[in-house]
C-alpha atoms as a PDB file:
ATOM      1  CA  UNK A   1      17.169  13.699  12.130  1.00  0.00           C
ATOM      2  CA  UNK A   2      19.733  11.861  14.120  1.00  0.00           C
ATOM      3  CA  UNK A   3      23.294  11.222  11.631  1.00  0.00           C
ATOM      4  CA  UNK A   4      21.693   7.473  12.348  1.00  0.00           C
ATOM      5  CA  UNK A   5      18.803   7.835  11.127  1.00  0.00           C
ATOM      6  CA  UNK A   6      19.572   9.882   8.034  1.00  0.00           C
ATOM      7  CA  UNK A   7      22.049   7.494   7.576  1.00  0.00           C
ATOM      8  CA  UNK A   8      19.469   4.764   7.197  1.00  0.00           C
ATOM      9  CA  UNK A   9      17.139   6.460   5.366  1.00  0.00           C
ATOM     10  CA  UNK A  10      19.411   6.253   2.125  1.00  0.00           C
ATOM     11  CA  UNK A  11      17.947   2.708   1.922  1.00  0.00           C
ATOM     12  CA  UNK A  12      15.015   4.280   0.959  1.00  0.00           C
ATOM     13  CA  UNK A  13      16.221   5.786  -1.955  1.00  0.00           C
ATOM     14  CA  UNK A  14      17.204   2.224  -3.387  1.00  0.00           C
ATOM     15  CA  UNK A  15      14.110   1.490  -5.665  1.00  0.00           C
ATOM     16  CA  UNK A  16      13.513  -1.082  -8.506  1.00  0.00           C
ATOM     17  CA  UNK A  17      13.015   2.319 -10.963  1.00  0.00           C
ATOM     18  CA  UNK A  18      16.125   3.350  -9.534  1.00  0.00           C
ATOM     19  CA  UNK A  19      18.298   0.512  -8.229  1.00  0.00           C
ATOM     20  CA  UNK A  20      22.119   2.061  -8.317  1.00  0.00           C
ATOM     21  CA  UNK A  21      23.214   5.666  -6.835  1.00  0.00           C
ATOM     22  CA  UNK A  22      26.357   7.922  -6.289  1.00  0.00           C
ATOM     23  CA  UNK A  23      27.437   9.514  -3.532  1.00  0.00           C
ATOM     24  CA  UNK A  24      26.990  13.004  -5.782  1.00  0.00           C
ATOM     25  CA  UNK A  25      22.895  11.490  -5.835  1.00  0.00           C
ATOM     26  CA  UNK A  26      23.361  10.759  -2.501  1.00  0.00           C
ATOM     27  CA  UNK A  27      24.101  14.346  -1.458  1.00  0.00           C
ATOM     28  CA  UNK A  28      21.528  15.606  -3.384  1.00  0.00           C
ATOM     29  CA  UNK A  29      18.741  13.529  -2.353  1.00  0.00           C
ATOM     30  CA  UNK A  30      19.250  13.248   1.462  1.00  0.00           C
ATOM     31  CA  UNK A  31      20.409  17.650   1.068  1.00  0.00           C
ATOM     32  CA  UNK A  32      23.818  16.365   2.915  1.00  0.00           C
ATOM     33  CA  UNK A  33      27.212  17.173   2.496  1.00  0.00           C
ATOM     34  CA  UNK A  34      29.557  15.559   0.087  1.00  0.00           C
ATOM     35  CA  UNK A  35      31.483  14.122   2.659  1.00  0.00           C
ATOM     36  CA  UNK A  36      28.618  12.819   4.682  1.00  0.00           C
ATOM     37  CA  UNK A  37      27.120  11.465   1.944  1.00  0.00           C
ATOM     38  CA  UNK A  38      30.376   9.490   1.943  1.00  0.00           C
ATOM     39  CA  UNK A  39      30.363   8.698   5.389  1.00  0.00           C
ATOM     40  CA  UNK A  40      26.522   7.334   5.169  1.00  0.00           C
ATOM     41  CA  UNK A  41      27.123   4.898   2.371  1.00  0.00           C
ATOM     42  CA  UNK A  42      30.650   4.105   3.928  1.00  0.00           C
ATOM     43  CA  UNK A  43      28.804   2.815   7.065  1.00  0.00           C
ATOM     44  CA  UNK A  44      25.865   0.777   5.186  1.00  0.00           C
ATOM     45  CA  UNK A  45      28.269  -0.628   3.028  1.00  0.00           C
ATOM     46  CA  UNK A  46      30.426  -1.772   6.232  1.00  0.00           C
ATOM     47  CA  UNK A  47      27.130  -3.271   7.604  1.00  0.00           C
ATOM     48  CA  UNK A  48      26.300  -5.214   3.980  1.00  0.00           C
ATOM     49  CA  UNK A  49      23.472  -3.449   3.545  1.00  0.00           C
ATOM     50  CA  UNK A  50      24.739  -1.783   0.267  1.00  0.00           C
ATOM     51  CA  UNK A  51      27.598  -2.663  -2.091  1.00  0.00           C
ATOM     52  CA  UNK A  52      29.529  -0.990  -4.594  1.00  0.00           C
ATOM     53  CA  UNK A  53      28.142  -2.162  -8.094  1.00  0.00           C
ATOM     54  CA  UNK A  54      30.388  -0.693 -10.737  1.00  0.00           C
ATOM     55  CA  UNK A  55      32.920   2.462 -10.282  1.00  0.00           C
ATOM     56  CA  UNK A  56      31.437   4.986  -8.527  1.00  0.00           C
ATOM     57  CA  UNK A  57      28.219   3.667  -7.836  1.00  0.00           C
ATOM     58  CA  UNK A  58      26.317   1.842  -4.777  1.00  0.00           C
ATOM     59  CA  UNK A  59      23.286  -1.050  -4.854  1.00  0.00           C
ATOM     60  CA  UNK A  60      21.520  -2.957  -2.652  1.00  0.00           C
ATOM     61  CA  UNK A  61      24.184  -5.401  -0.349  1.00  0.00           C
ATOM     62  CA  UNK A  62      24.402  -9.255   0.389  1.00  0.00           C
ATOM     63  CA  UNK A  63      23.275  -8.362   3.886  1.00  0.00           C
ATOM     64  CA  UNK A  64      19.543  -7.797   2.937  1.00  0.00           C
ATOM     65  CA  UNK A  65      19.496 -11.771   1.846  1.00  0.00           C
ATOM     66  CA  UNK A  66      20.886 -12.632   5.364  1.00  0.00           C
ATOM     67  CA  UNK A  67      18.049 -10.548   7.331  1.00  0.00           C
ATOM     68  CA  UNK A  68      15.397 -11.919   5.066  1.00  0.00           C
ATOM     69  CA  UNK A  69      16.176 -15.429   5.287  1.00  0.00           C
ATOM     70  CA  UNK A  70      16.246 -14.807   9.057  1.00  0.00           C
ATOM     71  CA  UNK A  71      12.927 -12.945   8.795  1.00  0.00           C
ATOM     72  CA  UNK A  72      11.540 -16.099   7.108  1.00  0.00           C
ATOM     73  CA  UNK A  73      12.865 -18.010   9.552  1.00  0.00           C
ATOM     74  CA  UNK A  74      11.908 -16.402  13.059  1.00  0.00           C
ATOM     75  CA  UNK A  75       9.071 -14.100  11.994  1.00  0.00           C
ATOM     76  CA  UNK A  76       6.304 -14.845  14.630  1.00  0.00           C
ATOM     77  CA  UNK A  77       3.437 -13.569  12.246  1.00  0.00           C
ATOM     78  CA  UNK A  78       4.562 -15.848   9.556  1.00  0.00           C
ATOM     79  CA  UNK A  79       5.016 -19.182  11.720  1.00  0.00           C
ATOM     80  CA  UNK A  80       1.626 -18.420  12.888  1.00  0.00           C
ATOM     81  CA  UNK A  81      -0.073 -17.779   9.386  1.00  0.00           C
ATOM     82  CA  UNK A  82       1.862 -20.560   7.212  1.00  0.00           C
ATOM     83  CA  UNK A  83      -0.365 -23.575   8.703  1.00  0.00           C
ATOM     84  CA  UNK A  84      -2.954 -21.240   8.775  1.00  0.00           C
ATOM     85  CA  UNK A  85      -3.252 -20.099   5.204  1.00  0.00           C
ATOM     86  CA  UNK A  86      -2.248 -23.277   4.049  1.00  0.00           C
ATOM     87  CA  UNK A  87      -5.543 -24.798   4.893  1.00  0.00           C
ATOM     88  CA  UNK A  88      -7.491 -21.936   3.880  1.00  0.00           C
ATOM     89  CA  UNK A  89      -6.290 -22.514   0.591  1.00  0.00           C
ATOM     90  CA  UNK A  90      -7.924 -25.704   0.470  1.00  0.00           C
ATOM     91  CA  UNK A  91     -11.193 -24.206   0.922  1.00  0.00           C
ATOM     92  CA  UNK A  92     -10.598 -21.819  -1.946  1.00  0.00           C
ATOM     93  CA  UNK A  93     -11.459 -22.323  -5.888  1.00  0.00           C
ATOM     94  CA  UNK A  94      -8.572 -23.797  -8.357  1.00  0.00           C
ATOM     95  CA  UNK A  95      -6.442 -20.835  -9.245  1.00  0.00           C
ATOM     96  CA  UNK A  96      -6.458 -18.890  -6.479  1.00  0.00           C
ATOM     97  CA  UNK A  97      -4.321 -17.487  -3.868  1.00  0.00           C
ATOM     98  CA  UNK A  98      -4.051 -16.651   0.291  1.00  0.00           C
ATOM     99  CA  UNK A  99      -1.808 -13.675   0.681  1.00  0.00           C
ATOM    100  CA  UNK A 100      -0.410 -12.467   3.962  1.00  0.00           C
ATOM    101  CA  UNK A 101       0.316  -8.348   4.236  1.00  0.00           C
ATOM    102  CA  UNK A 102       1.970  -6.102   6.571  1.00  0.00           C
ATOM    103  CA  UNK A 103       1.781  -2.267   6.318  1.00  0.00           C
ATOM    104  CA  UNK A 104       5.059  -0.278   6.602  1.00  0.00           C
ATOM    105  CA  UNK A 105       4.204   3.456   6.756  1.00  0.00           C
ATOM    106  CA  UNK A 106       1.774   4.241   3.930  1.00  0.00           C
ATOM    107  CA  UNK A 107       2.056   1.175   1.750  1.00  0.00           C
ATOM    108  CA  UNK A 108       1.488  -2.662   1.997  1.00  0.00           C
ATOM    109  CA  UNK A 109       3.902  -5.444   1.805  1.00  0.00           C
ATOM    110  CA  UNK A 110       3.142  -9.333   0.837  1.00  0.00           C
ATOM    111  CA  UNK A 111       5.161 -11.308   3.077  1.00  0.00           C
ATOM    112  CA  UNK A 112       3.930 -14.488   2.146  1.00  0.00           C
ATOM    113  CA  UNK A 113       1.542 -16.244  -0.391  1.00  0.00           C
ATOM    114  CA  UNK A 114      -0.242 -20.010  -0.578  1.00  0.00           C
ATOM    115  CA  UNK A 115      -1.401 -21.169  -3.488  1.00  0.00           C
ATOM    116  CA  UNK A 116      -4.319 -23.499  -4.704  1.00  0.00           C
ATOM    117  CA  UNK A 117      -4.187 -25.945  -6.994  1.00  0.00           C
ATOM    118  CA  UNK A 118      -4.229 -25.036 -10.357  1.00  0.00           C
ATOM    119  CA  UNK A 119      -2.603 -22.041 -11.931  1.00  0.00           C
ATOM    120  CA  UNK A 120      -2.409 -19.520  -9.566  1.00  0.00           C
ATOM    121  CA  UNK A 121      -3.574 -15.696 -11.223  1.00  0.00           C
ATOM    122  CA  UNK A 122      -1.040 -13.096 -11.705  1.00  0.00           C
ATOM    123  CA  UNK A 123      -1.292 -11.080  -8.658  1.00  0.00           C
ATOM    124  CA  UNK A 124      -0.112  -7.020  -8.005  1.00  0.00           C
ATOM    125  CA  UNK A 125       0.555  -8.140  -4.333  1.00  0.00           C
ATOM    126  CA  UNK A 126       4.008  -9.922  -4.981  1.00  0.00           C
ATOM    127  CA  UNK A 127       6.020 -10.398  -2.105  1.00  0.00           C
ATOM    128  CA  UNK A 128       8.065  -7.643  -1.058  1.00  0.00           C
ATOM    129  CA  UNK A 129       5.925  -5.140  -3.506  1.00  0.00           C
ATOM    130  CA  UNK A 130       5.113  -2.174  -1.975  1.00  0.00           C
ATOM    131  CA  UNK A 131       1.534  -1.630  -2.705  1.00  0.00           C
ATOM    132  CA  UNK A 132      -0.591   1.496  -2.329  1.00  0.00           C
ATOM    133  CA  UNK A 133      -3.073   1.760   0.990  1.00  0.00           C
ATOM    134  CA  UNK A 134      -6.045   3.077  -0.745  1.00  0.00           C
ATOM    135  CA  UNK A 135      -6.922   0.104  -2.883  1.00  0.00           C
ATOM    136  CA  UNK A 136      -7.900  -3.545  -2.646  1.00  0.00           C
ATOM    137  CA  UNK A 137      -9.283  -5.179   0.058  1.00  0.00           C
ATOM    138  CA  UNK A 138      -6.198  -6.645   1.439  1.00  0.00           C
ATOM    139  CA  UNK A 139      -4.803  -2.897   1.617  1.00  0.00           C
ATOM    140  CA  UNK A 140      -7.941  -1.737   2.998  1.00  0.00           C
ATOM    141  CA  UNK A 141      -8.964  -4.074   5.771  1.00  0.00           C
ATOM    142  CA  UNK A 142      -5.582  -2.529   7.546  1.00  0.00           C
ATOM    143  CA  UNK A 143      -6.580   1.167   6.936  1.00  0.00           C
ATOM    144  CA  UNK A 144      -9.541   0.298   8.732  1.00  0.00           C
ATOM    145  CA  UNK A 145      -7.839  -0.461  12.091  1.00  0.00           C
ATOM    146  CA  UNK A 146      -5.139   2.472  12.289  1.00  0.00           C
ATOM    147  CA  UNK A 147      -5.191   4.471  14.889  1.00  0.00           C
ATOM    148  CA  UNK A 148      -7.657   7.388  15.198  1.00  0.00           C
ATOM    149  CA  UNK A 149      -4.264   9.822  15.066  1.00  0.00           C
ATOM    150  CA  UNK A 150      -2.973   8.165  12.286  1.00  0.00           C
ATOM    151  CA  UNK A 151      -5.961   8.522  10.280  1.00  0.00           C
ATOM    152  CA  UNK A 152      -5.819  11.872  10.546  1.00  0.00           C
ATOM    153  CA  UNK A 153      -2.213  12.080   9.799  1.00  0.00           C
ATOM    154  CA  UNK A 154      -2.901  10.146   6.639  1.00  0.00           C
ATOM    155  CA  UNK A 155      -5.763  12.288   5.629  1.00  0.00           C
ATOM    156  CA  UNK A 156      -3.952  15.621   6.476  1.00  0.00           C
ATOM    157  CA  UNK A 157      -1.060  14.288   3.975  1.00  0.00           C
ATOM    158  CA  UNK A 158      -3.682  12.209   1.266  1.00  0.00           C
ATOM    159  CA  UNK A 159      -6.481  14.533   1.538  1.00  0.00           C
ATOM    160  CA  UNK A 160      -6.879  14.425  -2.552  1.00  0.00           C
ATOM    161  CA  UNK A 161      -5.708  11.169  -3.363  1.00  0.00           C
ATOM    162  CA  UNK A 162      -8.243   9.383  -0.520  1.00  0.00           C
ATOM    163  CA  UNK A 163     -11.023  11.567  -1.945  1.00  0.00           C
ATOM    164  CA  UNK A 164      -9.996  10.588  -5.314  1.00  0.00           C
ATOM    165  CA  UNK A 165     -10.499   6.679  -4.053  1.00  0.00           C
ATOM    166  CA  UNK A 166     -14.328   7.277  -2.941  1.00  0.00           C
ATOM    167  CA  UNK A 167     -13.370   7.030   0.938  1.00  0.00           C
ATOM    168  CA  UNK A 168     -14.035  10.405   1.851  1.00  0.00           C
ATOM    169  CA  UNK A 169     -14.041  14.009   0.718  1.00  0.00           C
ATOM    170  CA  UNK A 170     -13.801  14.772   5.237  1.00  0.00           C
ATOM    171  CA  UNK A 171     -11.730  13.565   7.829  1.00  0.00           C
ATOM    172  CA  UNK A 172     -15.156  12.615   9.470  1.00  0.00           C
ATOM    173  CA  UNK A 173     -16.395  11.162   6.318  1.00  0.00           C
ATOM    174  CA  UNK A 174     -13.008   8.996   5.840  1.00  0.00           C
ATOM    175  CA  UNK A 175     -13.247   8.076   9.667  1.00  0.00           C
ATOM    176  CA  UNK A 176     -17.080   6.934   9.129  1.00  0.00           C
ATOM    177  CA  UNK A 177     -15.888   4.617   6.251  1.00  0.00           C
ATOM    178  CA  UNK A 178     -13.173   2.911   8.519  1.00  0.00           C
ATOM    179  CA  UNK A 179     -15.872   2.501  11.024  1.00  0.00           C
ATOM    180  CA  UNK A 180     -18.029   0.943   8.189  1.00  0.00           C
ATOM    181  CA  UNK A 181     -15.331  -2.019   7.099  1.00  0.00           C
ATOM    182  CA  UNK A 182     -14.686  -2.436  10.880  1.00  0.00           C
ATOM    183  CA  UNK A 183     -17.724  -3.533  12.110  1.00  0.00           C
ATOM    184  CA  UNK A 184     -18.410  -5.446   8.813  1.00  0.00           C
ATOM    185  CA  UNK A 185     -14.788  -7.658  10.071  1.00  0.00           C
ATOM    186  CA  UNK A 186     -14.287  -8.254   6.527  1.00  0.00           C
ATOM    187  CA  UNK A 187     -13.729  -6.675   3.442  1.00  0.00           C
ATOM    188  CA  UNK A 188     -14.621  -7.638  -1.015  1.00  0.00           C
ATOM    189  CA  UNK A 189     -13.169  -5.540  -3.445  1.00  0.00           C
ATOM    190  CA  UNK A 190     -14.014  -6.122  -7.482  1.00  0.00           C
ATOM    191  CA  UNK A 191     -11.062  -5.433  -9.754  1.00  0.00           C
ATOM    192  CA  UNK A 192      -9.637  -2.662  -7.468  1.00  0.00           C
ATOM    193  CA  UNK A 193      -6.033  -3.776  -8.070  1.00  0.00           C
ATOM    194  CA  UNK A 194      -6.266  -6.205 -10.600  1.00  0.00           C
ATOM    195  CA  UNK A 195      -8.534  -6.880 -13.206  1.00  0.00           C
ATOM    196  CA  UNK A 196     -10.457  -9.878 -13.358  1.00  0.00           C
ATOM    197  CA  UNK A 197      -9.902 -10.580  -9.667  1.00  0.00           C
ATOM    198  CA  UNK A 198     -11.691 -10.377  -6.410  1.00  0.00           C
ATOM    199  CA  UNK A 199      -9.970  -9.621  -2.897  1.00  0.00           C
ATOM    200  CA  UNK A 200     -11.349 -10.939   0.310  1.00  0.00           C
ATOM    201  CA  UNK A 201      -9.555  -9.621   3.449  1.00  0.00           C
ATOM    202  CA  UNK A 202      -9.648  -9.949   7.210  1.00  0.00           C
ATOM    203  CA  UNK A 203      -7.546  -8.108   9.587  1.00  0.00           C
ATOM    204  CA  UNK A 204      -5.033  -9.809  12.078  1.00  0.00           C
ATOM    205  CA  UNK A 205      -5.239  -7.510  15.154  1.00  0.00           C
ATOM    206  CA  UNK A 206      -2.395  -6.828  18.044  1.00  0.00           C
ATOM    207  CA  UNK A 207      -3.659  -6.856  21.400  1.00  0.00           C
ATOM    208  CA  UNK A 208      -4.537  -3.211  21.300  1.00  0.00           C
ATOM    209  CA  UNK A 209      -6.490  -3.840  18.089  1.00  0.00           C
ATOM    210  CA  UNK A 210      -4.663  -2.237  15.635  1.00  0.00           C
ATOM    211  CA  UNK A 211      -3.727  -3.930  12.295  1.00  0.00           C
ATOM    212  CA  UNK A 212      -0.998  -6.216  12.729  1.00  0.00           C
ATOM    213  CA  UNK A 213      -1.761  -7.874   8.970  1.00  0.00           C
ATOM    214  CA  UNK A 214      -3.825  -8.865   6.795  1.00  0.00           C
ATOM    215  CA  UNK A 215      -5.258 -12.214   5.643  1.00  0.00           C
ATOM    216  CA  UNK A 216      -6.876 -12.431   2.134  1.00  0.00           C
ATOM    217  CA  UNK A 217      -8.456 -14.721  -0.499  1.00  0.00           C
ATOM    218  CA  UNK A 218      -7.515 -13.394  -4.251  1.00  0.00           C
ATOM    219  CA  UNK A 219     -10.294 -15.434  -6.442  1.00  0.00           C
ATOM    220  CA  UNK A 220     -11.666 -15.165  -9.825  1.00  0.00           C
ATOM    221  CA  UNK A 221     -14.427 -12.346 -10.675  1.00  0.00           C
ATOM    222  CA  UNK A 222     -16.147 -15.549 -11.671  1.00  0.00           C
ATOM    223  CA  UNK A 223     -16.498 -16.740  -8.580  1.00  0.00           C
ATOM    224  CA  UNK A 224     -19.864 -17.606  -6.984  1.00  0.00           C
ATOM    225  CA  UNK A 225     -21.274 -14.489  -4.552  1.00  0.00           C
ATOM    226  CA  UNK A 226     -22.071 -17.331  -2.232  1.00  0.00           C
ATOM    227  CA  UNK A 227     -18.749 -19.044  -2.630  1.00  0.00           C
ATOM    228  CA  UNK A 228     -17.299 -15.295  -1.628  1.00  0.00           C
ATOM    229  CA  UNK A 229     -19.574 -14.638   1.757  1.00  0.00           C
ATOM    230  CA  UNK A 230     -17.824 -18.428   2.255  1.00  0.00           C
ATOM    231  CA  UNK A 231     -14.308 -17.353   1.739  1.00  0.00           C
ATOM    232  CA  UNK A 232     -14.827 -14.024   3.589  1.00  0.00           C
ATOM    233  CA  UNK A 233     -15.777 -15.804   6.914  1.00  0.00           C
ATOM    234  CA  UNK A 234     -13.029 -18.363   6.414  1.00  0.00           C
ATOM    235  CA  UNK A 235     -10.689 -15.304   6.395  1.00  0.00           C
ATOM    236  CA  UNK A 236     -12.021 -13.717   9.590  1.00  0.00           C
ATOM    237  CA  UNK A 237     -11.748 -17.188  10.942  1.00  0.00           C
ATOM    238  CA  UNK A 238      -8.127 -17.758   9.960  1.00  0.00           C
ATOM    239  CA  UNK A 239      -7.159 -14.160  10.833  1.00  0.00           C
ATOM    240  CA  UNK A 240      -8.320 -15.038  14.728  1.00  0.00           C
ATOM    241  CA  UNK A 241      -6.583 -18.475  14.351  1.00  0.00           C
ATOM    242  CA  UNK A 242      -3.095 -16.231  13.786  1.00  0.00           C
ATOM    243  CA  UNK A 243      -3.728 -13.941  16.638  1.00  0.00           C
ATOM    244  CA  UNK A 244      -4.631 -16.886  18.893  1.00  0.00           C
ATOM    245  CA  UNK A 245      -1.507 -18.838  17.817  1.00  0.00           C
ATOM    246  CA  UNK A 246       0.740 -15.159  18.548  1.00  0.00           C
ATOM    247  CA  UNK A 247      -1.189 -14.842  21.752  1.00  0.00           C
ATOM    248  CA  UNK A 248      -0.029 -18.363  22.627  1.00  0.00           C
ATOM    249  CA  UNK A 249      -3.820 -19.459  22.550  1.00  0.00           C
END
């Protein structure tokens, strides 16, 4: 791995559970020399991506906020999805949420929410919070559109977790489940992520028909089945509208 790649991988060490690191801890975590650890830290500190929080300790830096603002203002997917999501929210029961999510490695990130009238539910898919790929309609519909090679790599790495999630004990069964979801075009799950909630998701596809993102409703589990069916169709229509906007259609 190139030095610049290792330097950037240092950012992945900073989590909610462990927001601060010392050079010695970085040295151990990345298996590098102390001089290399300091060099990585210095490069990221100069870029504003990390900052000294107290003597000898580092946390994320202010440039992260700048990059987030730039993303909010310039990301094509966000720009295309915001008005569609606002419209989708008008059709949902009071107290519902519409989510826009993207895959990031083996996780899923919510990047935008639109709420209906009424008090929205507490959803685990908070903006910027990494979420599991194997649970919940919002995540699973993205998994269904992974490239075949990526699905194989995922299965080879996480076979036990995939079987435990009920997605197949073999690669063939896992792939068959993905084909089933793609044919359906949308996905509904009940209580897999948040108890008392139903997830209703549709994929946003790139020109190669890979999952660029997902748009989903989170509604109460008291919502009638016919309403859930209607919202699934609306989510699919919204996803197609977002795709058309991204392609200039």
